[in-house]
Amino acid sequence: MNRYENGKLVIESDFEIRLLRKENEDIDLLIPVDLRVLNLNIDKMPDYMDSRFQFRDVRNIIIRFTTNKDNNYCTIHLLRSVDLLSAMVNFIMNYESHSIRIIRNEFSIDMYLNPI
């Protein structure tokens, strides 16, 4: 399992975590996931919803964040290819008290946003 930590951001992944870009305080991480189905599991969803969203044919995940101490937010992009214009979805997450875990399964990936 690969692990990336920077301040309060914690990512554990069965896939490689690559530094894509570092410019001043801004960092982009790339996680190639081999064009799989991604099950996004989110802690504490409302009662009327199940705990996961499913995305088909995800090739890469980009996680963008800043090392600014006053900002504990990251943007997560699920991509069909390498560039940001291929994003199926992107969302903002406060990682101050949550971690990101990416688990490889036989035919899919489980991505968990869980409390620390």
Protein backbone atom coordinates (compact mmCIF):
# COMPACT_ATOMS: atom_id res chain seq x y z
CA MET A 1 0.00 0.00 0.00
CA ASN A 2 1.34 3.43 -0.98
CA ARG A 3 0.94 6.27 1.50
CA TYR A 4 1.15 10.02 0.97
CA GLU A 5 1.06 12.54 3.82
CA ASN A 6 1.40 16.29 3.66
CA GLY A 7 0.16 18.24 6.67
CA LYS A 8 -3.29 16.84 7.44
CA LEU A 9 -3.77 15.29 3.99
CA VAL A 10 -3.48 11.48 4.19
CA ILE A 11 -3.88 9.23 1.15
CA GLU A 12 -3.46 5.45 1.15
CA SER A 13 -3.60 3.73 -2.23
CA ASP A 14 -3.03 0.34 -3.82
CA PHE A 15 -1.96 2.39 -6.87
CA GLU A 16 1.12 4.57 -7.30
CA ILE A 17 0.79 8.18 -6.10
CA ARG A 18 2.80 10.50 -8.37
CA LEU A 19 3.69 14.15 -7.89
CA LEU A 20 2.35 15.76 -11.07
CA ARG A 21 2.94 19.44 -10.32
CA LYS A 22 4.33 21.57 -7.50
CA GLU A 23 4.13 25.33 -7.90
CA ASN A 24 4.69 27.51 -4.81
CA GLU A 25 2.12 26.19 -2.29
CA ASP A 26 0.00 24.29 -4.86
CA ILE A 27 0.45 20.55 -5.42
CA ASP A 28 -1.21 18.16 -7.90
CA LEU A 29 -1.01 14.41 -7.31
CA LEU A 30 -1.77 11.87 -10.05
CA ILE A 31 -3.01 8.36 -9.28
CA PRO A 32 -3.32 6.18 -12.43
CA VAL A 33 -6.03 3.54 -11.91
CA ASP A 34 -6.11 1.58 -15.19
CA LEU A 35 -9.53 2.49 -16.67
CA ARG A 36 -11.68 0.82 -14.03
CA VAL A 37 -15.07 1.28 -12.42
CA LEU A 38 -14.65 3.47 -9.34
CA ASN A 39 -17.01 3.14 -6.35
CA LEU A 40 -16.84 6.35 -4.35
CA ASN A 41 -17.83 5.63 -0.74
CA ILE A 42 -18.61 8.69 1.37
CA ASP A 43 -18.97 8.65 5.15
CA LYS A 44 -22.22 9.93 6.69
CA MET A 45 -24.39 10.29 3.60
CA PRO A 46 -28.00 11.40 4.21
CA ASP A 47 -30.38 8.57 5.14
CA TYR A 48 -32.22 8.77 1.83
CA MET A 49 -29.05 7.92 -0.13
CA ASP A 50 -26.78 4.91 -0.19
CA SER A 51 -23.14 5.46 0.73
CA ARG A 52 -21.59 5.23 -2.75
CA PHE A 53 -21.51 6.74 -6.22
CA GLN A 54 -20.23 4.69 -9.14
CA PHE A 55 -18.17 6.02 -12.07
CA ARG A 56 -17.26 3.99 -15.15
CA ASP A 57 -13.96 3.99 -17.03
CA VAL A 58 -11.85 6.07 -14.65
CA ARG A 59 -8.27 6.21 -15.93
CA ASN A 60 -6.73 8.70 -13.47
CA ILE A 61 -7.44 10.53 -10.24
CA ILE A 62 -5.96 13.96 -9.65
CA ILE A 63 -5.93 15.43 -6.17
CA ARG A 64 -5.13 19.16 -6.00
CA PHE A 65 -4.35 20.89 -2.73
CA THR A 66 -2.33 23.67 -1.18
CA THR A 67 0.24 23.51 1.62
CA ASN A 68 -1.15 26.76 3.03
CA LYS A 69 -1.73 25.99 6.75
CA ASP A 70 -5.11 27.81 6.78
CA ASN A 71 -6.58 25.65 3.99
CA ASN A 72 -7.52 21.99 4.53
CA TYR A 73 -9.46 21.56 1.29
CA CYS A 74 -8.53 19.53 -1.76
CA THR A 75 -10.19 19.09 -5.13
CA ILE A 76 -10.57 15.52 -6.40
CA HIS A 77 -10.94 14.98 -10.16
CA LEU A 78 -11.96 11.63 -11.69
CA LEU A 79 -10.64 11.58 -15.26
CA ARG A 80 -11.20 9.53 -18.43
CA SER A 81 -7.68 10.42 -19.64
CA VAL A 82 -4.75 12.51 -18.40
CA ASP A 83 -5.98 16.08 -18.83
CA LEU A 84 -8.43 17.90 -16.55
CA LEU A 85 -10.83 18.51 -19.45
CA SER A 86 -11.63 14.79 -19.40
CA ALA A 87 -13.05 14.99 -15.87
CA MET A 88 -16.28 13.05 -15.30
CA VAL A 89 -16.69 14.75 -11.97
CA ASN A 90 -14.74 16.86 -9.55
CA PHE A 91 -15.55 17.82 -5.98
CA ILE A 92 -14.05 19.60 -3.01
CA MET A 93 -13.28 17.78 0.24
CA ASN A 94 -12.16 19.06 3.64
CA TYR A 95 -9.45 16.58 4.65
CA GLU A 96 -8.78 18.04 8.11
CA SER A 97 -10.39 15.04 9.84
CA HIS A 98 -10.81 12.60 6.92
CA SER A 99 -8.48 10.41 4.91
CA ILE A 100 -8.64 9.11 1.35
CA ARG A 101 -8.19 5.39 0.77
CA ILE A 102 -8.08 3.78 -2.70
CA ILE A 103 -8.39 -0.01 -2.82
CA ARG A 104 -7.86 -2.19 -5.91
CA ASN A 105 -10.41 -4.97 -6.46
CA GLU A 106 -10.44 -7.55 -9.24
CA PHE A 107 -12.62 -5.48 -11.61
CA SER A 108 -13.12 -2.18 -9.81
CA ILE A 109 -11.74 0.30 -7.30
CA ASP A 110 -13.18 1.39 -3.98
CA MET A 111 -12.37 4.94 -2.93
CA TYR A 112 -13.24 5.77 0.68
CA LEU A 113 -13.52 9.21 2.27
CA ASN A 114 -13.46 8.23 5.95
CA PRO A 115 -12.92 9.93 9.29
CA ILE A 116 -9.46 9.59 10.77
